[in-house]
Amino acid sequence: PENVLLAKCGPCPDLTRFNPGLRVKLADLGNSCWREKHFSAGIGTQEYRAPEVILETGYDTPCDVWSAACLAYELATGDYLFPALVEPKDIWMLVNMTSMLGEMPTEMREDYKNLVKKLDRAKLKDIPRVSLVQQIEECGMEEQKAEALSQWLLPMLALDPQLRATAGIAASHAFLELGVRPAK
Protein backbone atom coordinates (compact mmCIF):
# COMPACT_ATOMS: atom_id res chain seq x y z
CA PRO A 1 0.00 0.00 0.00
CA GLU A 2 1.09 3.54 -0.73
CA ASN A 3 0.86 4.61 2.91
CA VAL A 4 3.23 2.06 4.42
CA LEU A 5 6.92 2.36 5.15
CA LEU A 6 8.90 -0.80 5.83
CA ALA A 7 11.82 -0.51 8.21
CA LYS A 8 14.33 -3.33 8.01
CA CYS A 9 15.49 -4.72 11.33
CA GLY A 10 18.28 -7.21 10.77
CA PRO A 11 18.89 -9.18 7.57
CA CYS A 12 17.03 -8.30 4.39
CA PRO A 13 13.37 -9.25 4.98
CA ASP A 14 11.44 -11.64 2.77
CA LEU A 15 8.46 -9.47 1.86
CA THR A 16 6.49 -12.41 0.48
CA ARG A 17 5.74 -13.79 3.95
CA PHE A 18 5.30 -12.55 7.49
CA ASN A 19 8.59 -11.51 9.05
CA PRO A 20 8.73 -10.67 12.77
CA GLY A 21 11.89 -8.60 12.21
CA LEU A 22 10.05 -6.25 9.87
CA ARG A 23 8.79 -2.96 11.27
CA VAL A 24 5.84 -1.31 9.58
CA LYS A 25 5.14 2.40 9.92
CA LEU A 26 2.09 4.24 8.66
CA ALA A 27 2.85 7.25 6.51
CA ASP A 28 0.66 10.18 5.53
CA LEU A 29 -2.91 8.92 5.07
CA GLY A 30 -4.03 11.95 3.11
CA ASN A 31 -3.71 15.69 2.99
CA SER A 32 -2.15 16.84 6.24
CA CYS A 33 -3.76 19.81 7.95
CA TRP A 34 -4.24 21.33 11.34
CA ARG A 35 -7.22 20.25 13.40
CA GLU A 36 -8.41 23.86 13.52
CA LYS A 37 -7.78 24.68 9.84
CA HIS A 38 -8.91 22.30 7.11
CA PHE A 39 -7.59 22.88 3.60
CA SER A 40 -9.96 20.54 1.82
CA ALA A 41 -13.16 18.61 2.47
CA GLY A 42 -12.00 15.62 0.39
CA ILE A 43 -9.04 14.34 2.35
CA GLY A 44 -7.37 10.97 2.40
CA THR A 45 -6.83 8.04 0.12
CA GLN A 46 -10.21 7.16 -1.39
CA GLU A 47 -10.35 3.58 -0.05
CA TYR A 48 -9.50 4.75 3.47
CA ARG A 49 -11.96 7.66 3.71
CA ALA A 50 -14.16 7.79 6.78
CA PRO A 51 -17.90 8.30 6.30
CA GLU A 52 -17.79 11.82 7.74
CA VAL A 53 -15.14 12.75 5.16
CA ILE A 54 -17.17 11.32 2.27
CA LEU A 55 -20.35 13.03 3.49
CA GLU A 56 -18.43 16.27 4.19
CA THR A 57 -20.05 16.62 7.62
CA GLY A 58 -16.81 17.76 9.23
CA TYR A 59 -13.83 15.74 10.35
CA ASP A 60 -11.20 15.55 13.05
CA THR A 61 -8.67 12.99 14.27
CA PRO A 62 -11.20 10.09 14.34
CA CYS A 63 -11.00 10.02 10.53
CA ASP A 64 -7.32 9.08 10.88
CA VAL A 65 -8.25 6.17 13.14
CA TRP A 66 -10.74 5.00 10.48
CA SER A 67 -8.03 5.24 7.82
CA ALA A 68 -5.57 3.30 9.97
CA ALA A 69 -8.17 0.54 10.47
CA CYS A 70 -8.78 0.30 6.71
CA LEU A 71 -5.05 0.12 6.10
CA ALA A 72 -4.56 -2.52 8.82
CA TYR A 73 -7.30 -4.61 7.19
CA GLU A 74 -5.52 -4.31 3.85
CA LEU A 75 -2.17 -5.31 5.36
CA ALA A 76 -3.76 -8.37 7.01
CA THR A 77 -5.86 -9.55 4.06
CA GLY A 78 -4.34 -8.08 0.91
CA ASP A 79 -7.69 -6.49 -0.02
CA TYR A 80 -9.34 -3.13 0.49
CA LEU A 81 -12.02 -3.17 3.18
CA PHE A 82 -14.30 -0.84 1.22
CA PRO A 83 -13.05 -0.91 -2.38
CA ALA A 84 -13.98 2.01 -4.60
CA LEU A 85 -14.83 -0.06 -7.68
CA VAL A 86 -18.09 1.27 -9.09
CA GLU A 87 -19.09 4.84 -9.95
CA PRO A 88 -20.09 6.85 -8.03
CA LYS A 89 -17.35 5.37 -5.89
CA ASP A 90 -17.89 7.33 -2.68
CA ILE A 91 -21.60 6.52 -2.57
CA TRP A 92 -21.05 2.79 -3.12
CA MET A 93 -18.38 2.83 -0.42
CA LEU A 94 -20.93 4.33 1.99
CA VAL A 95 -23.51 1.68 1.04
CA ASN A 96 -20.95 -1.05 1.73
CA MET A 97 -20.05 0.57 5.06
CA THR A 98 -23.66 0.59 6.24
CA SER A 99 -24.18 -2.93 4.93
CA MET A 100 -21.37 -4.16 7.17
CA LEU A 101 -21.41 -1.75 10.10
CA GLY A 102 -25.06 -0.71 10.45
CA GLU A 103 -27.02 2.50 10.13
CA MET A 104 -25.37 5.91 9.78
CA PRO A 105 -25.46 8.06 12.92
CA THR A 106 -28.34 10.52 13.15
CA GLU A 107 -26.28 13.59 12.23
CA MET A 108 -25.13 11.94 8.97
CA ARG A 109 -28.29 10.00 8.07
CA GLU A 110 -30.03 12.66 5.97
CA ASP A 111 -26.90 13.42 3.91
CA TYR A 112 -26.40 9.67 3.40
CA LYS A 113 -30.01 9.12 2.28
CA ASN A 114 -29.79 12.02 -0.18
CA LEU A 115 -26.69 10.51 -1.80
CA VAL A 116 -28.05 6.97 -1.92
CA LYS A 117 -31.19 8.21 -3.74
CA LYS A 118 -28.93 8.69 -6.78
CA LEU A 119 -28.20 4.97 -7.00
CA ASP A 120 -29.98 2.28 -8.99
CA ARG A 121 -32.45 0.71 -6.53
CA ALA A 122 -32.14 -2.71 -8.17
CA LYS A 123 -28.39 -2.76 -7.54
CA LEU A 124 -28.90 -1.81 -3.89
CA LYS A 125 -30.81 -5.06 -3.31
CA ASP A 126 -27.74 -7.03 -4.46
CA ILE A 127 -25.45 -5.67 -1.72
CA PRO A 128 -24.61 -8.63 0.52
CA ARG A 129 -24.88 -8.23 4.28
CA VAL A 130 -21.64 -9.64 5.61
CA SER A 131 -19.97 -9.12 8.96
CA LEU A 132 -16.39 -7.94 9.22
CA VAL A 133 -15.26 -11.28 10.61
CA GLN A 134 -16.93 -13.12 7.69
CA GLN A 135 -15.21 -10.84 5.21
CA ILE A 136 -11.83 -11.45 6.87
CA GLU A 137 -12.41 -15.21 6.78
CA GLU A 138 -13.27 -14.98 3.06
CA CYS A 139 -9.76 -13.56 2.56
CA GLY A 140 -8.31 -16.81 3.92
CA MET A 141 -7.74 -16.12 7.61
CA GLU A 142 -8.76 -18.83 10.07
CA GLU A 143 -11.81 -18.18 12.25
CA GLN A 144 -10.07 -17.47 15.57
CA LYS A 145 -7.59 -15.02 14.05
CA ALA A 146 -10.33 -13.40 11.97
CA GLU A 147 -12.39 -12.87 15.12
CA ALA A 148 -9.42 -11.33 16.96
CA LEU A 149 -8.65 -8.96 14.06
CA SER A 150 -12.33 -8.04 13.79
CA GLN A 151 -12.56 -7.23 17.51
CA TRP A 152 -9.60 -4.86 17.15
CA LEU A 153 -10.87 -3.15 13.99
CA LEU A 154 -14.57 -2.74 14.81
CA PRO A 155 -14.15 0.00 17.47
CA MET A 156 -11.94 1.91 15.00
CA LEU A 157 -14.66 1.55 12.35
CA ALA A 158 -17.56 2.98 14.33
CA LEU A 159 -19.63 4.96 11.84
CA ASP A 160 -20.14 7.68 14.44
CA PRO A 161 -16.78 9.44 14.83
CA GLN A 162 -17.67 10.37 18.42
CA LEU A 163 -17.96 6.68 19.28
CA ARG A 164 -14.87 5.60 17.35
CA ALA A 165 -11.89 4.29 19.31
CA THR A 166 -9.08 6.76 19.79
CA ALA A 167 -5.59 6.03 18.50
CA GLY A 168 -4.44 5.39 22.08
CA ILE A 169 -7.19 2.87 22.75
CA ALA A 170 -6.54 1.10 19.44
CA ALA A 171 -2.79 1.00 20.10
CA SER A 172 -3.31 -0.60 23.53
CA HIS A 173 -5.78 -3.25 22.32
CA ALA A 174 -4.94 -6.83 23.29
CA PHE A 175 -5.01 -7.90 19.62
CA LEU A 176 -1.66 -6.20 19.03
CA GLU A 177 -0.07 -8.49 21.62
CA LEU A 178 -1.31 -11.64 19.87
CA GLY A 179 1.07 -11.49 16.94
CA VAL A 180 -1.63 -12.60 14.49
CA ARG A 181 -0.09 -13.21 11.11
CA PRO A 182 -1.62 -11.97 7.85
CA ALA A 183 -3.56 -14.31 5.60
CA LYS A 184 -1.56 -15.93 2.82
C-alpha atoms as a PDB file:
ATOM      1  CA  PRO A   1       0.000   0.000   0.000  1.00  0.00           C
ATOM      2  CA  GLU A   2       1.094   3.543  -0.726  1.00  0.00           C
ATOM      3  CA  ASN A   3       0.861   4.613   2.909  1.00  0.00           C
ATOM      4  CA  VAL A   4       3.234   2.063   4.417  1.00  0.00           C
ATOM      5  CA  LEU A   5       6.917   2.358   5.149  1.00  0.00           C
ATOM      6  CA  LEU A   6       8.897  -0.799   5.829  1.00  0.00           C
ATOM      7  CA  ALA A   7      11.821  -0.514   8.211  1.00  0.00           C
ATOM      8  CA  LYS A   8      14.329  -3.334   8.006  1.00  0.00           C
ATOM      9  CA  CYS A   9      15.489  -4.721  11.332  1.00  0.00           C
ATOM     10  CA  GLY A  10      18.283  -7.214  10.766  1.00  0.00           C
ATOM     11  CA  PRO A  11      18.888  -9.185   7.573  1.00  0.00           C
ATOM     12  CA  CYS A  12      17.028  -8.300   4.394  1.00  0.00           C
ATOM     13  CA  PRO A  13      13.373  -9.254   4.976  1.00  0.00           C
ATOM     14  CA  ASP A  14      11.444 -11.641   2.773  1.00  0.00           C
ATOM     15  CA  LEU A  15       8.463  -9.471   1.862  1.00  0.00           C
ATOM     16  CA  THR A  16       6.493 -12.412   0.480  1.00  0.00           C
ATOM     17  CA  ARG A  17       5.738 -13.794   3.949  1.00  0.00           C
ATOM     18  CA  PHE A  18       5.296 -12.555   7.493  1.00  0.00           C
ATOM     19  CA  ASN A  19       8.591 -11.514   9.051  1.00  0.00           C
ATOM     20  CA  PRO A  20       8.735 -10.673  12.774  1.00  0.00           C
ATOM     21  CA  GLY A  21      11.889  -8.596  12.209  1.00  0.00           C
ATOM     22  CA  LEU A  22      10.051  -6.246   9.873  1.00  0.00           C
ATOM     23  CA  ARG A  23       8.785  -2.960  11.274  1.00  0.00           C
ATOM     24  CA  VAL A  24       5.837  -1.314   9.582  1.00  0.00           C
ATOM     25  CA  LYS A  25       5.140   2.397   9.920  1.00  0.00           C
ATOM     26  CA  LEU A  26       2.092   4.238   8.657  1.00  0.00           C
ATOM     27  CA  ALA A  27       2.853   7.252   6.508  1.00  0.00           C
ATOM     28  CA  ASP A  28       0.660  10.176   5.527  1.00  0.00           C
ATOM     29  CA  LEU A  29      -2.906   8.918   5.073  1.00  0.00           C
ATOM     30  CA  GLY A  30      -4.034  11.950   3.111  1.00  0.00           C
ATOM     31  CA  ASN A  31      -3.709  15.694   2.992  1.00  0.00           C
ATOM     32  CA  SER A  32      -2.155  16.844   6.235  1.00  0.00           C
ATOM     33  CA  CYS A  33      -3.759  19.807   7.949  1.00  0.00           C
ATOM     34  CA  TRP A  34      -4.241  21.329  11.342  1.00  0.00           C
ATOM     35  CA  ARG A  35      -7.219  20.247  13.404  1.00  0.00           C
ATOM     36  CA  GLU A  36      -8.405  23.856  13.518  1.00  0.00           C
ATOM     37  CA  LYS A  37      -7.776  24.676   9.844  1.00  0.00           C
ATOM     38  CA  HIS A  38      -8.908  22.300   7.109  1.00  0.00           C
ATOM     39  CA  PHE A  39      -7.592  22.880   3.603  1.00  0.00           C
ATOM     40  CA  SER A  40      -9.962  20.539   1.824  1.00  0.00           C
ATOM     41  CA  ALA A  41     -13.162  18.612   2.472  1.00  0.00           C
ATOM     42  CA  GLY A  42     -12.005  15.624   0.387  1.00  0.00           C
ATOM     43  CA  ILE A  43      -9.041  14.343   2.349  1.00  0.00           C
ATOM     44  CA  GLY A  44      -7.367  10.971   2.404  1.00  0.00           C
ATOM     45  CA  THR A  45      -6.829   8.035   0.116  1.00  0.00           C
ATOM     46  CA  GLN A  46     -10.208   7.158  -1.389  1.00  0.00           C
ATOM     47  CA  GLU A  47     -10.350   3.580  -0.051  1.00  0.00           C
ATOM     48  CA  TYR A  48      -9.496   4.755   3.469  1.00  0.00           C
ATOM     49  CA  ARG A  49     -11.961   7.658   3.714  1.00  0.00           C
ATOM     50  CA  ALA A  50     -14.161   7.788   6.776  1.00  0.00           C
ATOM     51  CA  PRO A  51     -17.903   8.302   6.298  1.00  0.00           C
ATOM     52  CA  GLU A  52     -17.786  11.821   7.740  1.00  0.00           C
ATOM     53  CA  VAL A  53     -15.143  12.752   5.157  1.00  0.00           C
ATOM     54  CA  ILE A  54     -17.171  11.320   2.269  1.00  0.00           C
ATOM     55  CA  LEU A  55     -20.350  13.034   3.488  1.00  0.00           C
ATOM     56  CA  GLU A  56     -18.433  16.267   4.187  1.00  0.00           C
ATOM     57  CA  THR A  57     -20.049  16.624   7.615  1.00  0.00           C
ATOM     58  CA  GLY A  58     -16.806  17.765   9.231  1.00  0.00           C
ATOM     59  CA  TYR A  59     -13.827  15.745  10.347  1.00  0.00           C
ATOM     60  CA  ASP A  60     -11.196  15.552  13.052  1.00  0.00           C
ATOM     61  CA  THR A  61      -8.673  12.988  14.274  1.00  0.00           C
ATOM     62  CA  PRO A  62     -11.205  10.088  14.337  1.00  0.00           C
ATOM     63  CA  CYS A  63     -11.005  10.018  10.525  1.00  0.00           C
ATOM     64  CA  ASP A  64      -7.318   9.082  10.878  1.00  0.00           C
ATOM     65  CA  VAL A  65      -8.252   6.173  13.143  1.00  0.00           C
ATOM     66  CA  TRP A  66     -10.738   4.998  10.485  1.00  0.00           C
ATOM     67  CA  SER A  67      -8.029   5.236   7.816  1.00  0.00           C
ATOM     68  CA  ALA A  68      -5.572   3.303   9.970  1.00  0.00           C
ATOM     69  CA  ALA A  69      -8.168   0.540  10.472  1.00  0.00           C
ATOM     70  CA  CYS A  70      -8.779   0.300   6.713  1.00  0.00           C
ATOM     71  CA  LEU A  71      -5.046   0.124   6.101  1.00  0.00           C
ATOM     72  CA  ALA A  72      -4.559  -2.522   8.820  1.00  0.00           C
ATOM     73  CA  TYR A  73      -7.295  -4.613   7.190  1.00  0.00           C
ATOM     74  CA  GLU A  74      -5.519  -4.307   3.847  1.00  0.00           C
ATOM     75  CA  LEU A  75      -2.171  -5.314   5.359  1.00  0.00           C
ATOM     76  CA  ALA A  76      -3.758  -8.368   7.009  1.00  0.00           C
ATOM     77  CA  THR A  77      -5.858  -9.550   4.056  1.00  0.00           C
ATOM     78  CA  GLY A  78      -4.336  -8.081   0.910  1.00  0.00           C
ATOM     79  CA  ASP A  79      -7.687  -6.492  -0.021  1.00  0.00           C
ATOM     80  CA  TYR A  80      -9.339  -3.128   0.493  1.00  0.00           C
ATOM     81  CA  LEU A  81     -12.015  -3.171   3.183  1.00  0.00           C
ATOM     82  CA  PHE A  82     -14.298  -0.843   1.224  1.00  0.00           C
ATOM     83  CA  PRO A  83     -13.054  -0.907  -2.381  1.00  0.00           C
ATOM     84  CA  ALA A  84     -13.976   2.012  -4.604  1.00  0.00           C
ATOM     85  CA  LEU A  85     -14.826  -0.055  -7.677  1.00  0.00           C
ATOM     86  CA  VAL A  86     -18.088   1.268  -9.093  1.00  0.00           C
ATOM     87  CA  GLU A  87     -19.094   4.840  -9.948  1.00  0.00           C
ATOM     88  CA  PRO A  88     -20.091   6.853  -8.029  1.00  0.00           C
ATOM     89  CA  LYS A  89     -17.346   5.371  -5.887  1.00  0.00           C
ATOM     90  CA  ASP A  90     -17.890   7.335  -2.676  1.00  0.00           C
ATOM     91  CA  ILE A  91     -21.599   6.519  -2.571  1.00  0.00           C
ATOM     92  CA  TRP A  92     -21.047   2.793  -3.119  1.00  0.00           C
ATOM     93  CA  MET A  93     -18.384   2.830  -0.418  1.00  0.00           C
ATOM     94  CA  LEU A  94     -20.932   4.330   1.995  1.00  0.00           C
ATOM     95  CA  VAL A  95     -23.506   1.682   1.043  1.00  0.00           C
ATOM     96  CA  ASN A  96     -20.946  -1.054   1.725  1.00  0.00           C
ATOM     97  CA  MET A  97     -20.048   0.570   5.056  1.00  0.00           C
ATOM     98  CA  THR A  98     -23.656   0.586   6.242  1.00  0.00           C
ATOM     99  CA  SER A  99     -24.178  -2.933   4.933  1.00  0.00           C
ATOM    100  CA  MET A 100     -21.369  -4.160   7.169  1.00  0.00           C
ATOM    101  CA  LEU A 101     -21.414  -1.747  10.097  1.00  0.00           C
ATOM    102  CA  GLY A 102     -25.062  -0.714  10.449  1.00  0.00           C
ATOM    103  CA  GLU A 103     -27.019   2.495  10.126  1.00  0.00           C
ATOM    104  CA  MET A 104     -25.370   5.910   9.784  1.00  0.00           C
ATOM    105  CA  PRO A 105     -25.463   8.062  12.918  1.00  0.00           C
ATOM    106  CA  THR A 106     -28.343  10.515  13.155  1.00  0.00           C
ATOM    107  CA  GLU A 107     -26.284  13.591  12.234  1.00  0.00           C
ATOM    108  CA  MET A 108     -25.130  11.941   8.970  1.00  0.00           C
ATOM    109  CA  ARG A 109     -28.285   9.998   8.073  1.00  0.00           C
ATOM    110  CA  GLU A 110     -30.026  12.659   5.967  1.00  0.00           C
ATOM    111  CA  ASP A 111     -26.901  13.420   3.913  1.00  0.00           C
ATOM    112  CA  TYR A 112     -26.398   9.675   3.402  1.00  0.00           C
ATOM    113  CA  LYS A 113     -30.008   9.118   2.281  1.00  0.00           C
ATOM    114  CA  ASN A 114     -29.790  12.018  -0.181  1.00  0.00           C
ATOM    115  CA  LEU A 115     -26.692  10.510  -1.798  1.00  0.00           C
ATOM    116  CA  VAL A 116     -28.051   6.968  -1.919  1.00  0.00           C
ATOM    117  CA  LYS A 117     -31.186   8.213  -3.736  1.00  0.00           C
ATOM    118  CA  LYS A 118     -28.932   8.694  -6.781  1.00  0.00           C
ATOM    119  CA  LEU A 119     -28.197   4.969  -7.004  1.00  0.00           C
ATOM    120  CA  ASP A 120     -29.984   2.283  -8.991  1.00  0.00           C
ATOM    121  CA  ARG A 121     -32.445   0.709  -6.525  1.00  0.00           C
ATOM    122  CA  ALA A 122     -32.137  -2.707  -8.173  1.00  0.00           C
ATOM    123  CA  LYS A 123     -28.391  -2.761  -7.538  1.00  0.00           C
ATOM    124  CA  LEU A 124     -28.901  -1.812  -3.892  1.00  0.00           C
ATOM    125  CA  LYS A 125     -30.811  -5.061  -3.315  1.00  0.00           C
ATOM    126  CA  ASP A 126     -27.742  -7.028  -4.460  1.00  0.00           C
ATOM    127  CA  ILE A 127     -25.453  -5.668  -1.719  1.00  0.00           C
ATOM    128  CA  PRO A 128     -24.614  -8.627   0.518  1.00  0.00           C
ATOM    129  CA  ARG A 129     -24.883  -8.233   4.282  1.00  0.00           C
ATOM    130  CA  VAL A 130     -21.643  -9.639   5.612  1.00  0.00           C
ATOM    131  CA  SER A 131     -19.965  -9.124   8.960  1.00  0.00           C
ATOM    132  CA  LEU A 132     -16.390  -7.936   9.225  1.00  0.00           C
ATOM    133  CA  VAL A 133     -15.256 -11.284  10.609  1.00  0.00           C
ATOM    134  CA  GLN A 134     -16.927 -13.121   7.689  1.00  0.00           C
ATOM    135  CA  GLN A 135     -15.208 -10.842   5.214  1.00  0.00           C
ATOM    136  CA  ILE A 136     -11.835 -11.450   6.873  1.00  0.00           C
ATOM    137  CA  GLU A 137     -12.412 -15.212   6.784  1.00  0.00           C
ATOM    138  CA  GLU A 138     -13.266 -14.978   3.061  1.00  0.00           C
ATOM    139  CA  CYS A 139      -9.765 -13.561   2.559  1.00  0.00           C
ATOM    140  CA  GLY A 140      -8.315 -16.812   3.919  1.00  0.00           C
ATOM    141  CA  MET A 141      -7.743 -16.123   7.612  1.00  0.00           C
ATOM    142  CA  GLU A 142      -8.755 -18.831  10.067  1.00  0.00           C
ATOM    143  CA  GLU A 143     -11.809 -18.182  12.247  1.00  0.00           C
ATOM    144  CA  GLN A 144     -10.068 -17.468  15.574  1.00  0.00           C
ATOM    145  CA  LYS A 145      -7.591 -15.025  14.048  1.00  0.00           C
ATOM    146  CA  ALA A 146     -10.333 -13.396  11.970  1.00  0.00           C
ATOM    147  CA  GLU A 147     -12.393 -12.873  15.116  1.00  0.00           C
ATOM    148  CA  ALA A 148      -9.417 -11.329  16.957  1.00  0.00           C
ATOM    149  CA  LEU A 149      -8.654  -8.964  14.063  1.00  0.00           C
ATOM    150  CA  SER A 150     -12.326  -8.038  13.785  1.00  0.00           C
ATOM    151  CA  GLN A 151     -12.555  -7.230  17.513  1.00  0.00           C
ATOM    152  CA  TRP A 152      -9.600  -4.857  17.147  1.00  0.00           C
ATOM    153  CA  LEU A 153     -10.869  -3.153  13.989  1.00  0.00           C
ATOM    154  CA  LEU A 154     -14.575  -2.736  14.807  1.00  0.00           C
ATOM    155  CA  PRO A 155     -14.151   0.001  17.466  1.00  0.00           C
ATOM    156  CA  MET A 156     -11.941   1.914  14.996  1.00  0.00           C
ATOM    157  CA  LEU A 157     -14.665   1.546  12.348  1.00  0.00           C
ATOM    158  CA  ALA A 158     -17.555   2.981  14.332  1.00  0.00           C
ATOM    159  CA  LEU A 159     -19.632   4.963  11.835  1.00  0.00           C
ATOM    160  CA  ASP A 160     -20.142   7.680  14.437  1.00  0.00           C
ATOM    161  CA  PRO A 161     -16.777   9.445  14.829  1.00  0.00           C
ATOM    162  CA  GLN A 162     -17.675  10.374  18.422  1.00  0.00           C
ATOM    163  CA  LEU A 163     -17.956   6.682  19.284  1.00  0.00           C
ATOM    164  CA  ARG A 164     -14.871   5.596  17.348  1.00  0.00           C
ATOM    165  CA  ALA A 165     -11.887   4.289  19.312  1.00  0.00           C
ATOM    166  CA  THR A 166      -9.076   6.762  19.791  1.00  0.00           C
ATOM    167  CA  ALA A 167      -5.588   6.028  18.501  1.00  0.00           C
ATOM    168  CA  GLY A 168      -4.438   5.393  22.077  1.00  0.00           C
ATOM    169  CA  ILE A 169      -7.192   2.870  22.754  1.00  0.00           C
ATOM    170  CA  ALA A 170      -6.538   1.103  19.438  1.00  0.00           C
ATOM    171  CA  ALA A 171      -2.787   0.996  20.102  1.00  0.00           C
ATOM    172  CA  SER A 172      -3.307  -0.600  23.526  1.00  0.00           C
ATOM    173  CA  HIS A 173      -5.777  -3.248  22.315  1.00  0.00           C
ATOM    174  CA  ALA A 174      -4.942  -6.832  23.295  1.00  0.00           C
ATOM    175  CA  PHE A 175      -5.009  -7.897  19.622  1.00  0.00           C
ATOM    176  CA  LEU A 176      -1.662  -6.205  19.031  1.00  0.00           C
ATOM    177  CA  GLU A 177      -0.070  -8.489  21.622  1.00  0.00           C
ATOM    178  CA  LEU A 178      -1.314 -11.642  19.870  1.00  0.00           C
ATOM    179  CA  GLY A 179       1.070 -11.487  16.936  1.00  0.00           C
ATOM    180  CA  VAL A 180      -1.629 -12.597  14.490  1.00  0.00           C
ATOM    181  CA  ARG A 181      -0.090 -13.213  11.108  1.00  0.00           C
ATOM    182  CA  PRO A 182      -1.623 -11.965   7.852  1.00  0.00           C
ATOM    183  CA  ALA A 183      -3.564 -14.313   5.599  1.00  0.00           C
ATOM    184  CA  LYS A 184      -1.559 -15.932   2.819  1.00  0.00           C
END
